[in-house]
Amino acid sequence: MNASTFNFEQSNTLWGWTAGGGVEYALSQEWSVKVEYQHFDFGSTSFRHDGAFDIPGTPWRSTLKGEAEISQTVDAVKVGVNFHLNASSTNLE
């Protein structure tokens, strides 16, 4: 079976912004737990496709035309446990 393949490749340096926050709670002088949230936004990018591929051994030609817009955002939640070195030598009061 002959397959039609299209190869689209793009590499860019993206500029964007991030916002977030978090909380940390001390369980003891040595141990704490934390939760953090971050939102990353790198805008959106449009791609235009216009390509054709001859299918070997046949009279047929495969074509692809169109446009796609991709929104580039990421939401991240991190949960952690921390061990604080030398915590017994400091006073948390």
PDB file of N, CA and C in Angstrom:
ATOM      1  N   MET A   1       0.841  -1.188   0.000  1.00  0.00           N
ATOM      2  CA  MET A   1       0.000   0.000   0.000  1.00  0.00           C
ATOM      3  C   MET A   1       0.885   1.250   0.000  1.00  0.00           C
ATOM      4  N   ASN A   2       0.597   2.171  -0.854  1.00  0.00           N
ATOM      5  CA  ASN A   2       1.315   3.435  -0.903  1.00  0.00           C
ATOM      6  C   ASN A   2       0.577   4.463  -0.052  1.00  0.00           C
ATOM      7  N   ALA A   3       1.316   5.199   0.747  1.00  0.00           N
ATOM      8  CA  ALA A   3       0.695   6.202   1.612  1.00  0.00           C
ATOM      9  C   ALA A   3       1.173   7.589   1.230  1.00  0.00           C
ATOM     10  N   SER A   4       0.277   8.535   1.359  1.00  0.00           N
ATOM     11  CA  SER A   4       0.621   9.931   1.131  1.00  0.00           C
ATOM     12  C   SER A   4       1.148  10.503   2.433  1.00  0.00           C
ATOM     13  N   THR A   5       2.285  11.172   2.376  1.00  0.00           N
ATOM     14  CA  THR A   5       2.850  11.766   3.587  1.00  0.00           C
ATOM     15  C   THR A   5       3.150  13.232   3.350  1.00  0.00           C
ATOM     16  N   PHE A   6       2.913  14.027   4.379  1.00  0.00           N
ATOM     17  CA  PHE A   6       3.232  15.445   4.347  1.00  0.00           C
ATOM     18  C   PHE A   6       4.097  15.729   5.561  1.00  0.00           C
ATOM     19  N   ASN A   7       5.115  16.515   5.386  1.00  0.00           N
ATOM     20  CA  ASN A   7       6.029  16.825   6.476  1.00  0.00           C
ATOM     21  C   ASN A   7       6.072  18.337   6.665  1.00  0.00           C
ATOM     22  N   PHE A   8       5.509  18.811   7.796  1.00  0.00           N
ATOM     23  CA  PHE A   8       5.538  20.228   8.127  1.00  0.00           C
ATOM     24  C   PHE A   8       6.402  20.395   9.359  1.00  0.00           C
ATOM     25  N   GLU A   9       7.336  21.305   9.281  1.00  0.00           N
ATOM     26  CA  GLU A   9       8.238  21.525  10.405  1.00  0.00           C
ATOM     27  C   GLU A   9       8.457  23.019  10.570  1.00  0.00           C
ATOM     28  N   GLN A  10       8.433  23.460  11.833  1.00  0.00           N
ATOM     29  CA  GLN A  10       8.677  24.870  12.116  1.00  0.00           C
ATOM     30  C   GLN A  10       9.357  24.977  13.463  1.00  0.00           C
ATOM     31  N   SER A  11      10.299  25.883  13.569  1.00  0.00           N
ATOM     32  CA  SER A  11      11.006  26.110  14.827  1.00  0.00           C
ATOM     33  C   SER A  11      11.066  27.612  15.074  1.00  0.00           C
ATOM     34  N   ASN A  12      10.592  28.039  16.232  1.00  0.00           N
ATOM     35  CA  ASN A  12      10.566  29.456  16.574  1.00  0.00           C
ATOM     36  C   ASN A  12      10.968  29.657  18.018  1.00  0.00           C
ATOM     37  N   THR A  13      11.500  30.824  18.311  1.00  0.00           N
ATOM     38  CA  THR A  13      11.661  31.257  19.690  1.00  0.00           C
ATOM     39  C   THR A  13      10.412  32.040  20.053  1.00  0.00           C
ATOM     40  N   LEU A  14       9.731  31.621  21.101  1.00  0.00           N
ATOM     41  CA  LEU A  14       8.477  32.248  21.475  1.00  0.00           C
ATOM     42  C   LEU A  14       8.673  33.176  22.662  1.00  0.00           C
ATOM     43  N   TRP A  15       7.996  34.304  22.636  1.00  0.00           N
ATOM     44  CA  TRP A  15       7.973  35.239  23.748  1.00  0.00           C
ATOM     45  C   TRP A  15       6.584  35.201  24.340  1.00  0.00           C
ATOM     46  N   GLY A  16       6.501  35.273  25.654  1.00  0.00           N
ATOM     47  CA  GLY A  16       5.195  35.230  26.290  1.00  0.00           C
ATOM     48  C   GLY A  16       5.255  35.758  27.703  1.00  0.00           C
ATOM     49  N   TRP A  17       4.288  35.343  28.485  1.00  0.00           N
ATOM     50  CA  TRP A  17       4.214  35.791  29.864  1.00  0.00           C
ATOM     51  C   TRP A  17       3.755  34.629  30.744  1.00  0.00           C
ATOM     52  N   THR A  18       4.003  34.766  32.028  1.00  0.00           N
ATOM     53  CA  THR A  18       3.563  33.759  32.988  1.00  0.00           C
ATOM     54  C   THR A  18       3.079  34.453  34.254  1.00  0.00           C
ATOM     55  N   ALA A  19       2.129  33.827  34.912  1.00  0.00           N
ATOM     56  CA  ALA A  19       1.605  34.324  36.187  1.00  0.00           C
ATOM     57  C   ALA A  19       1.291  33.119  37.051  1.00  0.00           C
ATOM     58  N   GLY A  20       1.422  33.288  38.332  1.00  0.00           N
ATOM     59  CA  GLY A  20       1.118  32.168  39.210  1.00  0.00           C
ATOM     60  C   GLY A  20       1.251  32.541  40.667  1.00  0.00           C
ATOM     61  N   GLY A  21       1.103  31.547  41.491  1.00  0.00           N
ATOM     62  CA  GLY A  21       1.227  31.749  42.929  1.00  0.00           C
ATOM     63  C   GLY A  21       1.258  30.410  43.628  1.00  0.00           C
ATOM     64  N   GLY A  22       1.464  30.458  44.919  1.00  0.00           N
ATOM     65  CA  GLY A  22       1.513  29.219  45.676  1.00  0.00           C
ATOM     66  C   GLY A  22       1.463  29.467  47.165  1.00  0.00           C
ATOM     67  N   VAL A  23       1.304  28.366  47.892  1.00  0.00           N
ATOM     68  CA  VAL A  23       1.299  28.422  49.354  1.00  0.00           C
ATOM     69  C   VAL A  23       2.183  27.301  49.883  1.00  0.00           C
ATOM     70  N   GLU A  24       2.773  27.565  51.049  1.00  0.00           N
ATOM     71  CA  GLU A  24       3.597  26.563  51.726  1.00  0.00           C
ATOM     72  C   GLU A  24       3.182  26.529  53.187  1.00  0.00           C
ATOM     73  N   TYR A  25       3.048  25.321  53.726  1.00  0.00           N
ATOM     74  CA  TYR A  25       2.603  25.149  55.104  1.00  0.00           C
ATOM     75  C   TYR A  25       3.649  24.328  55.856  1.00  0.00           C
ATOM     76  N   ALA A  26       4.136  24.866  56.993  1.00  0.00           N
ATOM     77  CA  ALA A  26       5.145  24.168  57.798  1.00  0.00           C
ATOM     78  C   ALA A  26       4.463  23.119  58.663  1.00  0.00           C
ATOM     79  N   LEU A  27       4.889  21.855  58.494  1.00  0.00           N
ATOM     80  CA  LEU A  27       4.393  20.765  59.343  1.00  0.00           C
ATOM     81  C   LEU A  27       5.193  20.685  60.633  1.00  0.00           C
ATOM     82  N   SER A  28       6.458  21.044  60.544  1.00  0.00           N
ATOM     83  CA  SER A  28       7.372  21.068  61.689  1.00  0.00           C
ATOM     84  C   SER A  28       8.527  21.986  61.310  1.00  0.00           C
ATOM     85  N   GLN A  29       9.559  22.064  62.134  1.00  0.00           N
ATOM     86  CA  GLN A  29      10.714  22.888  61.778  1.00  0.00           C
ATOM     87  C   GLN A  29      11.442  22.339  60.552  1.00  0.00           C
ATOM     88  N   GLU A  30      11.390  21.021  60.353  1.00  0.00           N
ATOM     89  CA  GLU A  30      12.124  20.404  59.243  1.00  0.00           C
ATOM     90  C   GLU A  30      11.274  20.199  57.993  1.00  0.00           C
ATOM     91  N   TRP A  31       9.976  19.963  58.132  1.00  0.00           N
ATOM     92  CA  TRP A  31       9.141  19.542  57.004  1.00  0.00           C
ATOM     93  C   TRP A  31       8.067  20.586  56.669  1.00  0.00           C
ATOM     94  N   SER A  32       7.811  20.747  55.363  1.00  0.00           N
ATOM     95  CA  SER A  32       6.712  21.591  54.903  1.00  0.00           C
ATOM     96  C   SER A  32       6.133  20.988  53.624  1.00  0.00           C
ATOM     97  N   VAL A  33       4.897  21.371  53.323  1.00  0.00           N
ATOM     98  CA  VAL A  33       4.241  20.957  52.079  1.00  0.00           C
ATOM     99  C   VAL A  33       3.877  22.218  51.309  1.00  0.00           C
ATOM    100  N   LYS A  34       3.805  22.095  49.971  1.00  0.00           N
ATOM    101  CA  LYS A  34       3.510  23.273  49.153  1.00  0.00           C
ATOM    102  C   LYS A  34       2.669  22.901  47.943  1.00  0.00           C
ATOM    103  N   VAL A  35       1.921  23.886  47.442  1.00  0.00           N
ATOM    104  CA  VAL A  35       1.157  23.775  46.199  1.00  0.00           C
ATOM    105  C   VAL A  35       1.426  25.053  45.416  1.00  0.00           C
ATOM    106  N   GLU A  36       1.747  24.902  44.119  1.00  0.00           N
ATOM    107  CA  GLU A  36       2.024  26.049  43.256  1.00  0.00           C
ATOM    108  C   GLU A  36       1.223  25.913  41.970  1.00  0.00           C
ATOM    109  N   TYR A  37       0.787  27.047  41.429  1.00  0.00           N
ATOM    110  CA  TYR A  37       0.084  27.090  40.147  1.00  0.00           C
ATOM    111  C   TYR A  37       0.779  28.112  39.246  1.00  0.00           C
ATOM    112  N   GLN A  38       0.950  27.764  37.953  1.00  0.00           N
ATOM    113  CA  GLN A  38       1.507  28.703  36.981  1.00  0.00           C
ATOM    114  C   GLN A  38       0.738  28.593  35.673  1.00  0.00           C
ATOM    115  N   HIS A  39       0.494  29.749  35.064  1.00  0.00           N
ATOM    116  CA  HIS A  39      -0.127  29.816  33.738  1.00  0.00           C
ATOM    117  C   HIS A  39       0.897  30.450  32.797  1.00  0.00           C
ATOM    118  N   PHE A  40       1.210  29.758  31.704  1.00  0.00           N
ATOM    119  CA  PHE A  40       2.137  30.250  30.679  1.00  0.00           C
ATOM    120  C   PHE A  40       1.332  30.552  29.424  1.00  0.00           C
ATOM    121  N   ASP A  41       1.570  31.699  28.808  1.00  0.00           N
ATOM    122  CA  ASP A  41       0.855  32.066  27.587  1.00  0.00           C
ATOM    123  C   ASP A  41       1.860  32.586  26.563  1.00  0.00           C
ATOM    124  N   PHE A  42       1.935  31.900  25.427  1.00  0.00           N
ATOM    125  CA  PHE A  42       2.861  32.271  24.360  1.00  0.00           C
ATOM    126  C   PHE A  42       2.118  32.729  23.104  1.00  0.00           C
ATOM    127  N   GLY A  43       0.849  33.152  23.279  1.00  0.00           N
ATOM    128  CA  GLY A  43       0.077  33.660  22.148  1.00  0.00           C
ATOM    129  C   GLY A  43      -0.428  32.545  21.255  1.00  0.00           C
ATOM    130  N   SER A  44      -0.710  32.888  20.018  1.00  0.00           N
ATOM    131  CA  SER A  44      -1.181  31.901  19.059  1.00  0.00           C
ATOM    132  C   SER A  44      -0.397  32.048  17.756  1.00  0.00           C
ATOM    133  N   THR A  45      -0.385  30.979  16.992  1.00  0.00           N
ATOM    134  CA  THR A  45       0.337  30.935  15.727  1.00  0.00           C
ATOM    135  C   THR A  45      -0.581  30.368  14.660  1.00  0.00           C
ATOM    136  N   SER A  46      -0.538  30.936  13.468  1.00  0.00           N
ATOM    137  CA  SER A  46      -1.312  30.419  12.337  1.00  0.00           C
ATOM    138  C   SER A  46      -0.385  29.702  11.365  1.00  0.00           C
ATOM    139  N   PHE A  47      -0.877  28.607  10.822  1.00  0.00           N
ATOM    140  CA  PHE A  47      -0.136  27.837   9.820  1.00  0.00           C
ATOM    141  C   PHE A  47      -1.003  27.694   8.578  1.00  0.00           C
ATOM    142  N   ARG A  48      -0.389  27.868   7.430  1.00  0.00           N
ATOM    143  CA  ARG A  48      -1.095  27.665   6.163  1.00  0.00           C
ATOM    144  C   ARG A  48      -0.445  26.478   5.459  1.00  0.00           C
ATOM    145  N   HIS A  49      -1.276  25.535   5.048  1.00  0.00           N
ATOM    146  CA  HIS A  49      -0.792  24.329   4.350  1.00  0.00           C
ATOM    147  C   HIS A  49      -1.180  24.417   2.879  1.00  0.00           C
ATOM    148  N   ASP A  50      -0.276  24.040   2.045  1.00  0.00           N
ATOM    149  CA  ASP A  50      -0.561  23.946   0.621  1.00  0.00           C
ATOM    150  C   ASP A  50       0.484  23.008   0.027  1.00  0.00           C
ATOM    151  N   GLY A  51       0.147  21.730  -0.047  1.00  0.00           N
ATOM    152  CA  GLY A  51       1.121  20.764  -0.528  1.00  0.00           C
ATOM    153  C   GLY A  51       0.463  19.653  -1.324  1.00  0.00           C
ATOM    154  N   ALA A  52       1.273  18.943  -2.087  1.00  0.00           N
ATOM    155  CA  ALA A  52       0.789  17.828  -2.891  1.00  0.00           C
ATOM    156  C   ALA A  52       1.845  16.732  -2.907  1.00  0.00           C
ATOM    157  N   PHE A  53       1.372  15.495  -3.050  1.00  0.00           N
ATOM    158  CA  PHE A  53       2.262  14.338  -3.042  1.00  0.00           C
ATOM    159  C   PHE A  53       1.783  13.368  -4.101  1.00  0.00           C
ATOM    160  N   ASP A  54       2.659  13.030  -5.062  1.00  0.00           N
ATOM    161  CA  ASP A  54       2.316  12.020  -6.064  1.00  0.00           C
ATOM    162  C   ASP A  54       2.429  10.645  -5.430  1.00  0.00           C
ATOM    163  N   ILE A  55       1.377   9.850  -5.564  1.00  0.00           N
ATOM    164  CA  ILE A  55       1.395   8.492  -5.002  1.00  0.00           C
ATOM    165  C   ILE A  55       2.104   7.587  -6.007  1.00  0.00           C
ATOM    166  N   PRO A  56       3.275   7.028  -5.623  1.00  0.00           N
ATOM    167  CA  PRO A  56       4.085   6.232  -6.557  1.00  0.00           C
ATOM    168  C   PRO A  56       3.301   5.050  -7.139  1.00  0.00           C
ATOM    169  N   GLY A  57       3.465   4.818  -8.433  1.00  0.00           N
ATOM    170  CA  GLY A  57       2.850   3.678  -9.104  1.00  0.00           C
ATOM    171  C   GLY A  57       1.379   3.872  -9.422  1.00  0.00           C
ATOM    172  N   THR A  58       0.846   5.072  -9.193  1.00  0.00           N
ATOM    173  CA  THR A  58      -0.571   5.339  -9.484  1.00  0.00           C
ATOM    174  C   THR A  58      -0.672   6.677 -10.221  1.00  0.00           C
ATOM    175  N   PRO A  59      -1.800   6.924 -10.843  1.00  0.00           N
ATOM    176  CA  PRO A  59      -1.997   8.231 -11.472  1.00  0.00           C
ATOM    177  C   PRO A  59      -2.543   9.274 -10.488  1.00  0.00           C
ATOM    178  N   TRP A  60      -2.636   8.942  -9.204  1.00  0.00           N
ATOM    179  CA  TRP A  60      -3.283   9.822  -8.235  1.00  0.00           C
ATOM    180  C   TRP A  60      -2.297  10.745  -7.525  1.00  0.00           C
ATOM    181  N   ARG A  61      -2.833  11.843  -7.105  1.00  0.00           N
ATOM    182  CA  ARG A  61      -2.067  12.866  -6.392  1.00  0.00           C
ATOM    183  C   ARG A  61      -2.854  13.237  -5.130  1.00  0.00           C
ATOM    184  N   SER A  62      -2.172  13.263  -4.019  1.00  0.00           N
ATOM    185  CA  SER A  62      -2.799  13.623  -2.749  1.00  0.00           C
ATOM    186  C   SER A  62      -2.475  15.085  -2.458  1.00  0.00           C
ATOM    187  N   THR A  63      -3.484  15.859  -2.073  1.00  0.00           N
ATOM    188  CA  THR A  63      -3.269  17.277  -1.793  1.00  0.00           C
ATOM    189  C   THR A  63      -3.782  17.629  -0.397  1.00  0.00           C
ATOM    190  N   LEU A  64      -3.204  18.662   0.150  1.00  0.00           N
ATOM    191  CA  LEU A  64      -3.621  19.170   1.452  1.00  0.00           C
ATOM    192  C   LEU A  64      -3.582  20.688   1.385  1.00  0.00           C
ATOM    193  N   LYS A  65      -4.721  21.319   1.650  1.00  0.00           N
ATOM    194  CA  LYS A  65      -4.797  22.777   1.697  1.00  0.00           C
ATOM    195  C   LYS A  65      -5.614  23.165   2.909  1.00  0.00           C
ATOM    196  N   GLY A  66      -5.205  24.234   3.553  1.00  0.00           N
ATOM    197  CA  GLY A  66      -5.980  24.705   4.687  1.00  0.00           C
ATOM    198  C   GLY A  66      -5.150  25.579   5.598  1.00  0.00           C
ATOM    199  N   GLU A  67      -5.775  25.999   6.681  1.00  0.00           N
ATOM    200  CA  GLU A  67      -5.112  26.857   7.653  1.00  0.00           C
ATOM    201  C   GLU A  67      -5.511  26.385   9.051  1.00  0.00           C
ATOM    202  N   ALA A  68      -4.569  26.476   9.963  1.00  0.00           N
ATOM    203  CA  ALA A  68      -4.823  26.089  11.358  1.00  0.00           C
ATOM    204  C   ALA A  68      -4.259  27.164  12.271  1.00  0.00           C
ATOM    205  N   GLU A  69      -4.969  27.443  13.353  1.00  0.00           N
ATOM    206  CA  GLU A  69      -4.471  28.376  14.360  1.00  0.00           C
ATOM    207  C   GLU A  69      -4.307  27.601  15.668  1.00  0.00           C
ATOM    208  N   ILE A  70      -3.133  27.738  16.265  1.00  0.00           N
ATOM    209  CA  ILE A  70      -2.801  26.996  17.481  1.00  0.00           C
ATOM    210  C   ILE A  70      -2.569  27.981  18.610  1.00  0.00           C
ATOM    211  N   SER A  71      -3.320  27.814  19.692  1.00  0.00           N
ATOM    212  CA  SER A  71      -3.138  28.626  20.897  1.00  0.00           C
ATOM    213  C   SER A  71      -2.132  27.907  21.779  1.00  0.00           C
ATOM    214  N   GLN A  72      -1.078  28.613  22.181  1.00  0.00           N
ATOM    215  CA  GLN A  72       0.024  27.990  22.893  1.00  0.00           C
ATOM    216  C   GLN A  72       0.037  28.429  24.355  1.00  0.00           C
ATOM    217  N   THR A  73      -0.741  27.725  25.184  1.00  0.00           N
ATOM    218  CA  THR A  73      -0.810  28.019  26.613  1.00  0.00           C
ATOM    219  C   THR A  73      -0.587  26.733  27.396  1.00  0.00           C
ATOM    220  N   VAL A  74      -0.079  26.879  28.606  1.00  0.00           N
ATOM    221  CA  VAL A  74       0.156  25.744  29.506  1.00  0.00           C
ATOM    222  C   VAL A  74      -0.283  26.155  30.901  1.00  0.00           C
ATOM    223  N   ASP A  75      -1.002  25.278  31.593  1.00  0.00           N
ATOM    224  CA  ASP A  75      -1.341  25.456  32.997  1.00  0.00           C
ATOM    225  C   ASP A  75      -0.661  24.337  33.779  1.00  0.00           C
ATOM    226  N   ALA A  76       0.075  24.713  34.822  1.00  0.00           N
ATOM    227  CA  ALA A  76       0.833  23.725  35.601  1.00  0.00           C
ATOM    228  C   ALA A  76       0.508  23.855  37.084  1.00  0.00           C
ATOM    229  N   VAL A  77       0.307  22.710  37.726  1.00  0.00           N
ATOM    230  CA  VAL A  77       0.116  22.647  39.176  1.00  0.00           C
ATOM    231  C   VAL A  77       1.204  21.743  39.725  1.00  0.00           C
ATOM    232  N   LYS A  78       1.929  22.247  40.722  1.00  0.00           N
ATOM    233  CA  LYS A  78       2.988  21.454  41.351  1.00  0.00           C
ATOM    234  C   LYS A  78       2.662  21.285  42.830  1.00  0.00           C
ATOM    235  N   VAL A  79       2.852  20.072  43.321  1.00  0.00           N
ATOM    236  CA  VAL A  79       2.674  19.754  44.739  1.00  0.00           C
ATOM    237  C   VAL A  79       4.002  19.215  45.225  1.00  0.00           C
ATOM    238  N   GLY A  80       4.448  19.671  46.395  1.00  0.00           N
ATOM    239  CA  GLY A  80       5.755  19.224  46.869  1.00  0.00           C
ATOM    240  C   GLY A  80       5.841  19.100  48.369  1.00  0.00           C
ATOM    241  N   VAL A  81       6.831  18.355  48.788  1.00  0.00           N
ATOM    242  CA  VAL A  81       7.193  18.198  50.193  1.00  0.00           C
ATOM    243  C   VAL A  81       8.639  18.661  50.316  1.00  0.00           C
ATOM    244  N   ASN A  82       8.910  19.538  51.278  1.00  0.00           N
ATOM    245  CA  ASN A  82      10.257  20.070  51.465  1.00  0.00           C
ATOM    246  C   ASN A  82      10.834  19.617  52.800  1.00  0.00           C
ATOM    247  N   PHE A  83      12.126  19.290  52.779  1.00  0.00           N
ATOM    248  CA  PHE A  83      12.876  19.051  54.006  1.00  0.00           C
ATOM    249  C   PHE A  83      13.887  20.180  54.117  1.00  0.00           C
ATOM    250  N   HIS A  84      13.834  20.925  55.217  1.00  0.00           N
ATOM    251  CA  HIS A  84      14.693  22.091  55.408  1.00  0.00           C
ATOM    252  C   HIS A  84      15.941  21.686  56.195  1.00  0.00           C
ATOM    253  N   LEU A  85      17.097  21.758  55.539  1.00  0.00           N
ATOM    254  CA  LEU A  85      18.359  21.428  56.190  1.00  0.00           C
ATOM    255  C   LEU A  85      18.677  22.472  57.257  1.00  0.00           C
ATOM    256  N   ASN A  86      19.289  22.061  58.318  1.00  0.00           N
ATOM    257  CA  ASN A  86      19.697  22.949  59.426  1.00  0.00           C
ATOM    258  C   ASN A  86      18.510  23.689  60.050  1.00  0.00           C
ATOM    259  N   ALA A  87      17.301  23.134  59.928  1.00  0.00           N
ATOM    260  CA  ALA A  87      16.118  23.807  60.471  1.00  0.00           C
ATOM    261  C   ALA A  87      16.145  23.805  61.994  1.00  0.00           C
ATOM    262  N   SER A  88      16.764  22.824  62.597  1.00  0.00           N
ATOM    263  CA  SER A  88      16.789  22.751  64.048  1.00  0.00           C
ATOM    264  C   SER A  88      17.675  23.856  64.648  1.00  0.00           C
ATOM    265  N   SER A  89      18.573  24.451  63.843  1.00  0.00           N
ATOM    266  CA  SER A  89      19.430  25.515  64.344  1.00  0.00           C
ATOM    267  C   SER A  89      18.800  26.904  64.185  1.00  0.00           C
ATOM    268  N   THR A  90      17.624  26.973  63.508  1.00  0.00           N
ATOM    269  CA  THR A  90      16.932  28.245  63.358  1.00  0.00           C
ATOM    270  C   THR A  90      15.626  28.207  64.157  1.00  0.00           C
ATOM    271  N   ASN A  91      15.114  29.361  64.469  1.00  0.00           N
ATOM    272  CA  ASN A  91      13.884  29.454  65.238  1.00  0.00           C
ATOM    273  C   ASN A  91      12.785  29.987  64.333  1.00  0.00           C
ATOM    274  N   LEU A  92      11.659  29.255  64.234  1.00  0.00           N
ATOM    275  CA  LEU A  92      10.574  29.649  63.352  1.00  0.00           C
ATOM    276  C   LEU A  92       9.575  30.575  64.057  1.00  0.00           C
ATOM    277  N   GLU A  93       9.808  31.002  65.277  1.00  0.00           N
ATOM    278  CA  GLU A  93       8.846  31.836  66.013  1.00  0.00           C
ATOM    279  C   GLU A  93       8.721  33.210  65.429  1.00  0.00           C
TER     280      GLU A  93
END
